[in-house]
Protein backbone atom coordinates (compact mmCIF):
# COMPACT_ATOMS: atom_id res chain seq x y z
CA MET A 1 25.35 2.99 -16.74
CA GLY A 2 26.20 4.03 -12.95
CA ASN A 3 23.85 5.16 -10.27
CA SER A 4 25.09 6.11 -6.82
CA VAL A 5 23.28 7.38 -3.41
CA LEU A 6 25.21 9.47 -1.03
CA GLN A 7 24.14 10.68 2.44
CA LYS A 8 24.92 14.78 2.98
CA SER A 9 24.54 17.51 5.70
CA PRO A 10 22.70 20.48 4.50
CA GLU A 11 25.88 22.42 4.34
CA GLU A 12 27.22 19.75 2.09
CA ILE A 13 24.08 20.00 -0.06
CA ARG A 14 24.38 23.79 -0.04
CA LYS A 15 27.66 23.38 -1.43
CA MET A 16 26.47 20.97 -4.29
CA LYS A 17 23.91 23.29 -5.26
CA GLU A 18 26.24 26.12 -5.71
CA TYR A 19 28.60 23.66 -7.82
CA TYR A 20 25.60 22.52 -10.13
CA SER A 21 24.34 26.05 -10.76
CA LYS A 22 24.72 26.34 -14.15
CA PHE A 23 22.67 23.16 -14.71
CA LEU A 24 19.62 23.46 -12.12
CA ILE A 25 16.59 22.71 -13.27
CA GLU A 26 13.20 24.52 -12.13
CA LYS A 27 10.74 21.54 -11.84
CA LEU A 28 11.51 19.79 -8.71
CA PRO A 29 10.87 16.37 -7.76
CA PRO A 30 8.63 16.25 -4.14
CA GLY A 31 10.76 16.45 -1.29
CA SER A 32 13.70 17.66 -3.13
CA VAL A 33 15.91 20.54 -2.19
CA PHE A 34 17.60 20.90 -5.91
CA ALA A 35 17.94 19.00 -8.96
CA ALA A 36 20.32 19.45 -11.75
CA LYS A 37 21.09 17.83 -15.15
CA THR A 38 24.79 17.76 -16.47
CA PRO A 39 25.10 16.53 -20.20
CA SER A 40 26.26 12.86 -18.35
CA CYS A 41 24.15 12.85 -15.27
CA ALA A 42 21.23 13.83 -13.38
CA ILE A 43 21.31 14.84 -9.53
CA THR A 44 18.81 15.05 -6.99
CA ALA A 45 19.24 16.05 -3.54
CA TYR A 46 16.69 15.60 -1.19
CA GLN A 47 15.38 16.79 2.13
CA SER A 48 16.39 13.71 3.74
CA GLY A 49 20.06 14.11 3.38
CA LYS A 50 20.08 11.59 0.00
CA VAL A 51 21.71 12.76 -3.26
CA LEU A 52 21.27 10.49 -6.16
CA PHE A 53 23.52 10.65 -9.33
CA GLN A 54 21.70 8.95 -12.34
CA GLY A 55 23.08 8.16 -15.51
CA LYS A 56 26.19 6.96 -17.63
CA ASP A 57 28.63 9.22 -15.64
CA GLY A 58 26.75 9.00 -12.22
CA GLU A 59 29.51 6.82 -10.38
CA ASN A 60 32.31 9.13 -11.39
CA GLU A 61 30.29 12.15 -10.42
CA ALA A 62 29.19 10.72 -7.22
CA ALA A 63 32.95 10.07 -6.36
CA LYS A 64 33.71 13.75 -6.51
CA TRP A 65 31.69 14.13 -3.28
CA GLY A 66 32.64 10.97 -1.36
CA ALA A 67 31.65 7.11 -0.85
CA ALA A 68 28.25 5.97 -1.75
CA THR A 69 26.06 4.73 0.84
CA ALA A 70 25.53 0.75 1.08
CA ALA A 71 22.64 -0.84 -0.84
CA SER A 72 21.66 -2.15 2.72
CA ALA A 73 21.21 1.24 4.51
CA LYS A 74 17.43 0.86 4.52
CA LYS A 75 15.63 -2.23 5.45
CA SER A 76 14.98 -4.87 2.57
CA PRO A 77 11.48 -5.38 1.17
CA ALA A 78 9.52 -8.28 2.72
CA SER A 79 11.03 -11.45 3.89
CA VAL A 80 11.05 -14.12 1.35
CA PRO A 81 8.20 -16.63 1.13
CA GLY A 82 9.59 -19.66 -0.22
CA ALA A 83 12.55 -21.72 0.41
CA HIS A 84 13.44 -22.19 -3.25
CA LEU A 85 14.21 -18.56 -3.38
CA PRO A 86 17.61 -17.42 -2.65
CA LYS A 87 18.00 -15.83 0.75
CA ASN A 88 19.93 -12.84 -0.81
CA ILE A 89 17.61 -12.16 -3.62
CA ALA A 90 16.29 -8.89 -2.17
CA GLU A 91 20.23 -7.59 -3.10
CA MET A 92 20.51 -9.67 -6.47
CA SER A 93 20.86 -8.14 -10.06
CA ILE A 94 17.66 -9.44 -11.66
CA ILE A 95 14.77 -8.88 -13.98
CA GLY A 96 11.47 -8.40 -12.68
CA SER A 97 8.41 -9.16 -14.52
CA ASP A 98 4.88 -8.10 -13.23
CA GLU A 99 1.36 -7.31 -15.61
CA VAL A 100 -1.55 -4.82 -14.99
CA GLY A 101 -4.99 -4.67 -16.24
CA THR A 102 -6.05 -8.36 -16.12
CA GLY A 103 -8.76 -7.63 -13.60
CA ASP A 104 -9.90 -4.34 -15.18
CA TYR A 105 -12.80 -4.42 -17.84
CA PHE A 106 -11.85 -1.46 -19.79
CA GLY A 107 -8.24 -0.99 -21.03
CA PRO A 108 -5.42 -3.41 -22.01
CA ILE A 109 -3.07 -5.72 -20.22
CA THR A 110 0.26 -4.10 -19.90
CA VAL A 111 3.38 -6.62 -18.83
CA VAL A 112 6.94 -4.84 -18.04
CA ALA A 113 10.37 -6.97 -17.15
CA ALA A 114 12.57 -4.63 -15.70
CA TYR A 115 16.07 -5.13 -15.23
CA VAL A 116 17.49 -4.00 -11.82
CA ARG A 117 21.23 -4.07 -10.93
CA ARG A 118 22.38 -4.47 -7.51
CA GLN A 119 24.20 -0.86 -7.54
CA ASP A 120 20.60 0.45 -8.49
CA ILE A 121 18.96 -0.48 -5.37
CA PRO A 122 19.95 2.20 -3.13
CA VAL A 123 18.31 4.75 -5.91
CA LEU A 124 14.95 3.11 -6.44
CA LYS A 125 14.44 2.99 -2.63
CA GLU A 126 15.19 6.75 -2.74
CA LEU A 127 12.69 7.17 -5.26
CA GLY A 128 10.09 5.59 -3.52
CA VAL A 129 9.96 2.52 -5.61
CA GLN A 130 7.23 0.15 -3.97
CA ASP A 131 4.33 -2.44 -4.74
CA SER A 132 2.05 -0.44 -7.14
CA LYS A 133 -1.09 -1.46 -5.48
CA ASN A 134 -0.02 0.43 -2.60
CA LEU A 135 0.41 3.79 -4.63
CA LYS A 136 -1.83 6.04 -5.93
CA ASP A 137 -2.02 6.78 -9.89
CA ASP A 138 -0.43 10.23 -9.51
CA LYS A 139 2.49 9.14 -7.26
CA ILE A 140 3.02 5.81 -9.98
CA ILE A 141 3.24 8.51 -12.83
CA GLU A 142 5.63 10.64 -10.68
CA ILE A 143 7.78 7.78 -9.94
CA ALA A 144 7.59 5.80 -13.11
CA LYS A 145 8.93 9.43 -15.10
CA GLN A 146 11.93 9.03 -12.84
CA LEU A 147 12.57 5.43 -13.52
CA VAL A 148 12.14 5.11 -17.48
CA PRO A 149 14.95 7.40 -18.49
CA PHE A 150 17.34 4.92 -16.82
CA LEU A 151 16.11 1.73 -15.67
CA PRO A 152 16.16 -1.23 -18.53
CA TYR A 153 12.97 -2.43 -19.34
CA SER A 154 10.55 -3.64 -21.82
CA LEU A 155 6.96 -3.25 -22.22
CA MET A 156 4.19 -5.49 -23.68
CA THR A 157 0.63 -4.36 -24.12
CA LEU A 158 -2.22 -6.30 -25.51
CA HIS A 159 -4.80 -4.12 -26.63
CA ASN A 160 -8.75 -5.01 -26.27
CA GLU A 161 -9.37 -5.88 -29.75
CA LYS A 162 -6.16 -8.20 -29.89
CA TYR A 163 -7.16 -9.66 -26.51
CA ASN A 164 -10.85 -10.28 -27.57
CA GLU A 165 -9.18 -11.78 -30.69
CA MET A 166 -7.06 -14.60 -28.90
CA GLN A 167 -9.45 -15.10 -25.90
CA MET A 168 -12.42 -16.13 -28.67
CA LYS A 169 -9.93 -18.54 -30.36
CA GLY A 170 -9.81 -20.36 -26.97
CA MET A 171 -6.60 -18.83 -25.23
CA SER A 172 -7.34 -18.31 -21.52
CA GLN A 173 -6.18 -15.39 -19.93
CA GLY A 174 -3.45 -17.18 -18.04
CA LYS A 175 -1.99 -18.27 -21.23
CA LEU A 176 -1.95 -14.86 -22.49
CA LYS A 177 -0.19 -13.51 -19.63
CA ALA A 178 2.49 -16.36 -20.03
CA LEU A 179 3.00 -15.28 -23.80
CA LEU A 180 3.40 -11.63 -22.83
CA HIS A 181 5.69 -12.23 -19.62
CA ASN A 182 8.03 -14.70 -21.99
CA GLN A 183 8.38 -12.22 -24.54
CA ALA A 184 8.98 -9.52 -22.53
CA ILE A 185 11.90 -11.07 -20.58
CA GLY A 186 13.10 -12.33 -23.83
CA HIS A 187 13.47 -9.09 -25.42
CA MET A 188 15.13 -7.33 -21.70
CA LEU A 189 17.70 -10.37 -22.07
CA GLU A 190 18.71 -9.18 -25.70
CA LYS A 191 18.80 -5.38 -24.41
CA ILE A 192 21.48 -5.95 -21.53
CA ALA A 193 23.36 -8.48 -23.31
CA PRO A 194 25.86 -9.83 -23.21
CA GLU A 195 24.91 -8.76 -19.38
CA LYS A 196 23.23 -11.54 -17.89
CA PRO A 197 21.11 -10.99 -14.66
CA GLU A 198 21.47 -13.16 -11.42
CA ALA A 199 18.10 -14.37 -11.56
CA ILE A 200 14.64 -13.68 -13.33
CA LEU A 201 11.43 -13.34 -10.46
CA ILE A 202 8.05 -13.47 -11.98
CA ASP A 203 5.19 -12.22 -9.93
CA GLU A 204 3.28 -15.71 -9.61
CA PHE A 205 -0.17 -15.77 -11.37
CA ALA A 206 0.24 -19.32 -12.03
CA LYS A 207 2.08 -22.24 -10.81
CA GLU A 208 5.58 -22.87 -12.52
CA ALA A 209 4.53 -26.12 -14.33
CA ILE A 210 1.36 -24.46 -15.67
CA TYR A 211 3.31 -21.32 -16.69
CA PHE A 212 5.51 -23.51 -18.82
CA ALA A 213 2.87 -25.59 -20.07
CA HIS A 214 0.66 -22.36 -21.37
CA LEU A 215 4.53 -21.77 -23.41
CA LYS A 216 4.31 -25.01 -24.82
CA GLY A 217 4.90 -24.43 -28.78
CA GLN A 218 6.79 -21.25 -28.49
CA LYS A 219 10.18 -20.74 -30.62
CA LYS A 220 11.78 -19.32 -27.54
CA ILE A 221 11.04 -19.95 -24.05
CA ILE A 222 12.94 -18.58 -21.17
CA ARG A 223 13.68 -21.01 -18.21
CA ASP A 224 16.96 -20.31 -17.01
CA ASN A 225 17.14 -18.84 -13.57
CA VAL A 226 13.27 -18.16 -13.73
CA LEU A 227 11.93 -17.94 -10.25
CA PHE A 228 8.24 -17.40 -9.41
CA SER A 229 6.58 -16.11 -6.06
CA THR A 230 3.34 -14.70 -5.04
CA LYS A 231 3.67 -10.54 -3.67
CA ALA A 232 6.88 -10.65 -5.92
CA GLU A 233 6.92 -6.82 -5.76
CA GLY A 234 7.70 -6.98 -2.00
CA ILE A 235 10.78 -9.25 -2.56
CA HIS A 236 12.53 -7.51 -5.17
CA LEU A 237 12.55 -4.15 -6.25
CA GLY A 238 12.99 -5.01 -10.00
CA VAL A 239 9.39 -6.34 -9.31
CA ALA A 240 7.90 -3.43 -7.79
CA ALA A 241 9.66 -0.99 -10.49
CA ALA A 242 8.16 -3.16 -13.34
CA SER A 243 4.71 -3.25 -11.86
CA ILE A 244 5.06 0.77 -11.57
CA ILE A 245 5.96 1.05 -15.22
CA ALA A 246 3.21 -1.22 -16.41
CA ARG A 247 0.63 0.62 -13.97
CA TYR A 248 2.03 3.83 -15.63
CA ALA A 249 1.61 2.55 -19.26
CA PHE A 250 -1.68 1.24 -18.61
CA VAL A 251 -3.05 4.81 -16.82
CA ARG A 252 -1.73 6.38 -20.08
CA HIS A 253 -3.62 4.26 -22.30
CA PHE A 254 -6.67 4.58 -20.06
CA GLU A 255 -6.44 8.46 -20.46
CA ASN A 256 -6.29 7.64 -24.35
CA LEU A 257 -9.59 5.43 -24.04
CA SER A 258 -11.16 8.27 -21.98
CA LYS A 259 -10.60 10.90 -24.61
CA ARG A 260 -11.85 8.58 -27.36
CA ALA A 261 -15.16 7.68 -25.46
CA GLY A 262 -15.69 11.46 -24.60
CA PHE A 263 -16.01 11.09 -20.92
CA THR A 264 -13.99 9.33 -17.94
CA ILE A 265 -13.67 5.84 -17.88
CA PRO A 266 -13.47 3.86 -14.46
CA LYS A 267 -10.91 1.44 -13.74
CA GLY A 268 -12.05 -2.22 -12.23
CA ALA A 269 -15.02 -4.32 -12.86
CA GLY A 270 -17.67 -2.79 -10.44
CA PRO A 271 -20.90 -1.23 -11.20
CA ALA A 272 -19.72 2.17 -12.10
CA VAL A 273 -17.86 0.34 -15.21
CA ASP A 274 -21.08 -1.28 -15.98
CA LYS A 275 -22.76 2.38 -16.41
CA ALA A 276 -19.75 3.62 -17.92
CA ALA A 277 -20.16 0.84 -20.95
CA ALA A 278 -23.56 1.12 -21.19
CA ARG A 279 -23.26 4.72 -21.97
CA LEU A 280 -20.29 4.13 -24.50
CA ILE A 281 -23.12 1.62 -26.12
CA ILE A 282 -25.74 4.23 -26.10
CA GLU A 283 -23.43 7.07 -27.59
CA LYS A 284 -21.38 4.75 -29.87
CA GLY A 285 -23.06 1.58 -30.59
CA VAL A 286 -22.41 -1.98 -29.22
CA GLU A 287 -19.93 -2.67 -32.29
CA ILE A 288 -17.52 -0.29 -30.51
CA LEU A 289 -17.30 -2.32 -27.33
CA PRO A 290 -14.57 -4.58 -28.78
CA GLU A 291 -12.23 -1.65 -29.07
CA TYR A 292 -12.78 -0.75 -25.26
CA VAL A 293 -13.24 -3.71 -22.96
CA LYS A 294 -12.56 -7.39 -22.40
CA LEU A 295 -15.82 -8.90 -23.74
CA HIS A 296 -15.92 -12.27 -21.66
CA PHE A 297 -16.22 -10.20 -18.58
CA ALA A 298 -19.78 -10.48 -17.05
CA ASN A 299 -19.97 -6.68 -17.34
CA THR A 300 -20.94 -6.92 -21.01
CA GLU A 301 -24.13 -8.37 -20.44
CA LYS A 302 -24.83 -6.08 -17.45
CA ALA A 303 -24.11 -2.96 -19.74
CA LYS A 304 -26.46 -4.24 -22.47
CA LYS A 305 -28.96 -4.75 -19.92
CA ILE A 306 -28.72 -1.11 -18.70
CA ALA A 307 -28.66 0.29 -22.35
CA ARG A 308 -31.34 -2.13 -23.31
CA VAL A 309 -29.99 -3.42 -26.17
């Protein structure tokens, strides 16, 4: 699958819009001039002059209009913190892996491994991919919907009931996260085979030795070219893209939980969450909690006190 970015003048973009007039779509991404979808390629032109070609024939379609811009046209993400990481890691083809939901009382843990090739980096920059913690949910949804049709990724979701079951058996959250990351990365490697990434970068939640200790006894442990770093979303867009897709999946699960509960469930683990859990207990019974929450959080006892159970 080839993706390319061209820099074009307003007049050139007008000509392109006319050329793709049969394939124009009505719903436009924010900041775009036009969007079209041919049988083998999606074309989006932005007010900045950037034109994105995405799909199996993206590179060939872009070649009709000129040479693609260099991947380094924009400033790279943050500088690399750690001498152990390759200096050019921001420009490498890597699998990035990140998780969402570990600090939220309600909702599952979602882990995503995403593969970003060198040639995809300009496209992701133009789409606004960055650390999901810097984006509001509506923006995350907007970007994720543009990523998932073309970006190879693997999503693992640990729902509350299974999370509570495994946690009660003595598994720490750190071990559960390590298992999920290892599985997501393994699935991602299978998806892109025989192609191999130049590296695998995990947003560090535990030191390397502890991470692999958590995986001891697993049938398949991914070790080759696995790197770890804190704030990895700012080091490579592969991790940033993974965090956005993981957050998107998490938000969708949250919406489903709210529908089942009959009221909007807040995120996080603050006082508003305690009140929401208490309402859930009062309206549906305390026995329903394992389906919605991470029981070992202190919020459980706080909610019970509010609900007087």
